[in-house]
């Protein structure tokens, strides 16, 4: 059994064939999926999905790229939705310095607000980090994010950064890039970081693993991530599946 801890089934790319995508995931033994909503439309779709499918859960928050669009009203709405029993995390939030739609200071302020919201409602925080590691780690420390912990989603940093995040009560989630031939850092992290701190995800429809790189990703591909971690750790896929499933159940407090 696998759990895809970060998937965007609420994305436009899945609107045409959503049921088939879900059926393929279930056939591949992906028994639970965490759908991430990061703006008004995708959060609304995420809530609809968790009400329709008993094996789907939601994480809701506001993406750093669109931080400039987030209002106080949006944050109050997100807080209200956290009362739903199948909303299991806040995010994805964090910092993205690759795109320049939202100024850094606006992103940082919204990141802090969402960490505080996670603390208020006692849910884990799902972190998006692109080209902003120093500021992400600093803000997590300044806001005492270890009180709720969370997940470093689609982690692409160094072993040293991973260990620093683990000390702050965060799990390290690996996705499709760990299967890429040139992905030196994710492979090192998969090899060096103890299984008790690892999760697997697709981030579908983005970042499809090898041999589907460049195509639309989907949750049925998450076993390929587990297979690569197993290869790097010289252990069985079953061991990786069991450990990462237990880790996901624990961090999201899932009913099983």
Protein backbone atom coordinates (compact mmCIF):
# COMPACT_ATOMS: atom_id res chain seq x y z
CA UNK A 1 0.00 0.00 0.00
CA UNK A 2 1.18 3.49 -0.91
CA UNK A 3 0.04 6.97 0.10
CA UNK A 4 0.57 9.84 -2.32
CA UNK A 5 1.13 12.64 0.19
CA UNK A 6 0.97 15.51 -2.31
CA UNK A 7 -1.16 15.46 -5.45
CA UNK A 8 -3.17 18.04 -7.35
CA UNK A 9 -6.18 16.01 -8.53
CA UNK A 10 -7.93 19.38 -8.39
CA UNK A 11 -5.79 20.74 -11.26
CA UNK A 12 -7.26 21.59 -14.66
CA UNK A 13 -5.11 18.83 -16.21
CA UNK A 14 -7.32 16.18 -14.54
CA UNK A 15 -10.76 17.64 -15.21
CA UNK A 16 -11.32 15.50 -18.33
CA UNK A 17 -10.45 12.05 -16.95
CA UNK A 18 -10.37 12.36 -13.16
CA UNK A 19 -12.17 9.10 -12.41
CA UNK A 20 -9.84 7.11 -14.67
CA UNK A 21 -6.81 8.69 -12.96
CA UNK A 22 -8.21 7.75 -9.53
CA UNK A 23 -9.01 4.21 -10.72
CA UNK A 24 -5.45 3.75 -12.03
CA UNK A 25 -4.03 4.97 -8.70
CA UNK A 26 -6.17 2.50 -6.76
CA UNK A 27 -5.16 -0.33 -9.11
CA UNK A 28 -1.50 0.57 -8.38
CA UNK A 29 -2.19 0.14 -4.63
CA UNK A 30 -2.19 3.87 -3.93
CA UNK A 31 -4.81 3.57 -1.23
CA UNK A 32 -4.89 7.14 0.04
CA UNK A 33 -4.18 10.48 -1.60
CA UNK A 34 -3.65 13.92 -0.08
CA UNK A 35 -4.98 16.59 -2.45
CA UNK A 36 -3.45 20.03 -2.05
CA UNK A 37 -5.49 23.21 -2.63
CA UNK A 38 -3.51 26.44 -2.85
CA UNK A 39 -5.94 29.13 -4.03
CA UNK A 40 -9.72 29.70 -4.09
CA UNK A 41 -10.51 27.41 -7.04
CA UNK A 42 -8.23 24.51 -6.08
CA UNK A 43 -9.32 24.62 -2.42
CA UNK A 44 -12.99 24.47 -3.44
CA UNK A 45 -12.23 21.49 -5.69
CA UNK A 46 -10.22 19.79 -2.92
CA UNK A 47 -13.13 20.05 -0.48
CA UNK A 48 -15.46 18.59 -3.12
CA UNK A 49 -13.08 15.65 -3.65
CA UNK A 50 -12.75 14.78 0.06
CA UNK A 51 -16.52 14.74 0.37
CA UNK A 52 -16.88 12.46 -2.66
CA UNK A 53 -14.09 9.94 -1.97
CA UNK A 54 -13.48 8.41 1.46
CA UNK A 55 -9.78 7.69 0.68
CA UNK A 56 -8.93 11.28 -0.32
CA UNK A 57 -7.89 13.95 2.23
CA UNK A 58 -7.05 17.63 1.77
CA UNK A 59 -4.32 20.08 2.64
CA UNK A 60 -5.35 23.71 2.15
CA UNK A 61 -3.40 26.96 2.10
CA UNK A 62 -2.12 29.68 -0.20
CA UNK A 63 0.78 29.25 -2.61
CA UNK A 64 3.71 31.69 -2.24
CA UNK A 65 3.75 32.53 -5.97
CA UNK A 66 0.24 33.96 -5.58
CA UNK A 67 0.84 35.51 -2.14
CA UNK A 68 0.05 38.97 -3.51
CA UNK A 69 -3.53 37.84 -4.26
CA UNK A 70 -4.28 36.50 -0.77
CA UNK A 71 -6.56 38.59 1.44
CA UNK A 72 -7.49 38.50 5.13
CA UNK A 73 -10.85 37.17 3.97
CA UNK A 74 -9.12 34.26 2.19
CA UNK A 75 -7.15 33.34 5.33
CA UNK A 76 -10.29 33.48 7.49
CA UNK A 77 -12.03 31.20 4.96
CA UNK A 78 -9.13 28.72 5.07
CA UNK A 79 -9.26 28.72 8.88
CA UNK A 80 -13.00 28.01 8.77
CA UNK A 81 -12.44 25.06 6.39
CA UNK A 82 -9.88 23.48 8.74
CA UNK A 83 -12.83 22.37 10.89
CA UNK A 84 -13.61 19.79 8.20
CA UNK A 85 -12.49 16.42 9.63
CA UNK A 86 -10.72 15.49 6.39
CA UNK A 87 -8.62 18.66 6.15
CA UNK A 88 -5.31 17.37 7.49
CA UNK A 89 -2.73 20.11 6.87
CA UNK A 90 -2.00 23.74 6.02
CA UNK A 91 -0.24 24.47 2.73
CA UNK A 92 1.32 24.41 0.47
CA UNK A 93 2.92 27.52 1.86
CA UNK A 94 6.50 28.73 1.92
CA UNK A 95 8.65 30.79 -0.42
CA UNK A 96 9.26 30.78 -4.16
CA UNK A 97 12.00 33.10 -5.39
CA UNK A 98 12.09 31.60 -8.89
CA UNK A 99 8.93 33.38 -10.02
CA UNK A 100 8.66 37.08 -9.28
CA UNK A 101 4.88 37.61 -9.27
CA UNK A 102 4.79 38.21 -5.50
CA UNK A 103 7.48 40.33 -3.77
CA UNK A 104 9.65 38.49 -1.25
CA UNK A 105 8.37 40.47 1.72
CA UNK A 106 4.74 39.71 0.78
CA UNK A 107 5.55 35.99 0.50
CA UNK A 108 7.37 36.01 3.83
CA UNK A 109 4.51 37.71 5.65
CA UNK A 110 1.94 35.26 4.25
CA UNK A 111 4.23 32.35 5.12
CA UNK A 112 4.38 33.55 8.74
CA UNK A 113 0.59 33.99 8.85
CA UNK A 114 0.04 30.41 7.63
CA UNK A 115 2.54 28.97 10.14
CA UNK A 116 0.62 30.77 12.89
CA UNK A 117 -2.67 29.47 11.49
CA UNK A 118 -1.30 25.90 11.50
CA UNK A 119 -0.28 26.37 15.13
CA UNK A 120 -3.71 27.76 16.02
CA UNK A 121 -5.60 24.83 14.46
CA UNK A 122 -2.90 22.25 15.34
CA UNK A 123 -2.24 20.93 11.83
CA UNK A 124 1.09 20.15 10.11
CA UNK A 125 2.50 22.66 7.60
CA UNK A 126 3.34 21.61 4.05
CA UNK A 127 6.29 23.62 2.77
CA UNK A 128 6.97 24.75 -0.80
CA UNK A 129 10.55 25.97 -1.23
CA UNK A 130 12.08 27.12 -4.48
CA UNK A 131 15.39 28.97 -4.46
CA UNK A 132 14.70 30.22 -0.92
CA UNK A 133 16.16 27.65 1.50
CA UNK A 134 17.90 30.12 3.83
CA UNK A 135 14.80 32.24 4.35
CA UNK A 136 12.47 29.21 4.64
CA UNK A 137 14.57 27.64 7.40
CA UNK A 138 15.06 30.97 9.18
CA UNK A 139 11.32 31.76 9.22
CA UNK A 140 10.40 28.25 10.38
CA UNK A 141 12.81 28.72 13.31
CA UNK A 142 11.64 32.26 14.10
CA UNK A 143 7.99 31.16 14.13
CA UNK A 144 8.68 28.04 16.25
CA UNK A 145 7.22 25.84 13.52
CA UNK A 146 8.51 22.75 15.31
CA UNK A 147 5.47 22.97 17.60
CA UNK A 148 3.34 21.52 14.78
CA UNK A 149 6.01 20.28 12.35
CA UNK A 150 5.11 19.25 8.85
CA UNK A 151 6.53 18.24 5.50
CA UNK A 152 9.24 19.60 3.24
CA UNK A 153 7.35 18.89 0.02
CA UNK A 154 9.22 17.66 -3.06
CA UNK A 155 12.50 18.20 -1.23
CA UNK A 156 15.41 19.16 -3.46
CA UNK A 157 17.95 20.40 -0.90
CA UNK A 158 21.05 18.90 0.65
CA UNK A 159 21.36 16.17 3.28
CA UNK A 160 22.50 18.88 5.74
CA UNK A 161 19.34 20.96 5.12
CA UNK A 162 17.19 17.82 5.41
CA UNK A 163 18.73 17.06 8.83
CA UNK A 164 18.14 20.65 9.94
CA UNK A 165 14.47 20.35 8.96
CA UNK A 166 14.11 16.97 10.69
CA UNK A 167 15.38 18.62 13.90
CA UNK A 168 12.44 21.04 13.54
CA UNK A 169 9.94 18.15 13.42
CA UNK A 170 9.59 18.07 9.62
CA UNK A 171 9.43 15.04 7.36
CA UNK A 172 11.24 14.94 4.03
CA UNK A 173 9.05 14.13 1.04
CA UNK A 174 10.57 12.88 -2.21
CA UNK A 175 8.84 12.88 -5.58
CA UNK A 176 9.56 12.18 -9.24
CA UNK A 177 12.92 14.03 -9.37
CA UNK A 178 14.57 11.33 -7.21
CA UNK A 179 14.22 9.04 -10.25
CA UNK A 180 16.00 11.45 -12.63
CA UNK A 181 19.50 10.33 -13.65
CA UNK A 182 21.05 13.74 -12.91
CA UNK A 183 19.24 14.30 -9.57
CA UNK A 184 22.32 14.12 -7.35
CA UNK A 185 20.91 15.79 -4.22
CA UNK A 186 17.55 13.94 -4.01
CA UNK A 187 19.36 10.63 -4.50
CA UNK A 188 21.81 11.48 -1.70
CA UNK A 189 18.92 12.44 0.58
CA UNK A 190 17.07 9.20 -0.23
CA UNK A 191 20.18 7.23 0.59
CA UNK A 192 21.32 9.07 3.73
CA UNK A 193 18.10 10.05 5.51
CA UNK A 194 16.54 7.36 7.71
CA UNK A 195 13.31 5.87 6.40
CA UNK A 196 11.43 7.02 9.52
CA UNK A 197 11.75 10.61 8.23
CA UNK A 198 10.74 10.03 4.59
CA UNK A 199 7.49 10.37 2.66
CA UNK A 200 6.67 9.80 -1.00
CA UNK A 201 4.59 11.97 -3.32
CA UNK A 202 3.94 12.71 -6.98
CA UNK A 203 3.06 16.44 -7.05
CA UNK A 204 0.96 15.32 -10.03
CA UNK A 205 0.32 16.60 -12.67
CA UNK A 206 3.87 17.99 -12.37
CA UNK A 207 7.32 16.31 -12.14
CA UNK A 208 6.52 12.87 -13.53
CA UNK A 209 9.13 10.25 -12.61
CA UNK A 210 11.31 8.41 -15.09
CA UNK A 211 10.33 6.94 -17.59
CA UNK A 212 7.40 9.39 -17.85
CA UNK A 213 9.49 12.54 -17.38
CA UNK A 214 8.00 15.45 -19.31
CA UNK A 215 4.54 13.86 -19.47
CA UNK A 216 1.55 14.46 -17.20
CA UNK A 217 2.24 12.95 -13.79
CA UNK A 218 -0.45 11.02 -11.92
CA UNK A 219 -0.74 9.31 -8.52
CA UNK A 220 -0.44 5.80 -10.01
CA UNK A 221 3.25 6.65 -10.58
CA UNK A 222 4.08 7.03 -6.87
CA UNK A 223 5.32 3.40 -6.64
CA UNK A 224 8.13 4.40 -9.04
CA UNK A 225 9.37 6.88 -6.41
CA UNK A 226 9.28 4.14 -3.77
CA UNK A 227 11.15 1.77 -6.09
CA UNK A 228 13.99 4.25 -6.59
CA UNK A 229 14.29 4.92 -2.85
CA UNK A 230 14.35 1.15 -2.26
CA UNK A 231 17.09 0.75 -4.87
CA UNK A 232 19.19 3.51 -3.33
CA UNK A 233 18.71 2.16 0.19
CA UNK A 234 19.24 -1.46 -0.90
CA UNK A 235 15.99 -2.63 0.63
CA UNK A 236 12.65 -3.94 -0.62
CA UNK A 237 9.91 -1.76 -2.10
CA UNK A 238 7.58 -3.32 0.50
CA UNK A 239 9.73 -1.92 3.31
CA UNK A 240 9.70 1.56 1.78
CA UNK A 241 5.94 1.37 1.14
CA UNK A 242 5.22 0.24 4.71
CA UNK A 243 7.43 2.87 6.38
CA UNK A 244 6.31 5.83 4.24
CA UNK A 245 2.66 4.81 4.67
CA UNK A 246 3.06 4.66 8.45
CA UNK A 247 4.84 8.04 8.39
CA UNK A 248 2.00 9.62 6.39
CA UNK A 249 -0.68 8.17 8.68
CA UNK A 250 1.21 9.55 11.69
CA UNK A 251 1.88 13.09 10.42
CA UNK A 252 -1.60 13.60 8.97
CA UNK A 253 -3.36 11.71 11.82
CA UNK A 254 -5.31 9.71 9.24
CA UNK A 255 -8.10 7.35 10.18
CA UNK A 256 -7.17 3.87 8.94
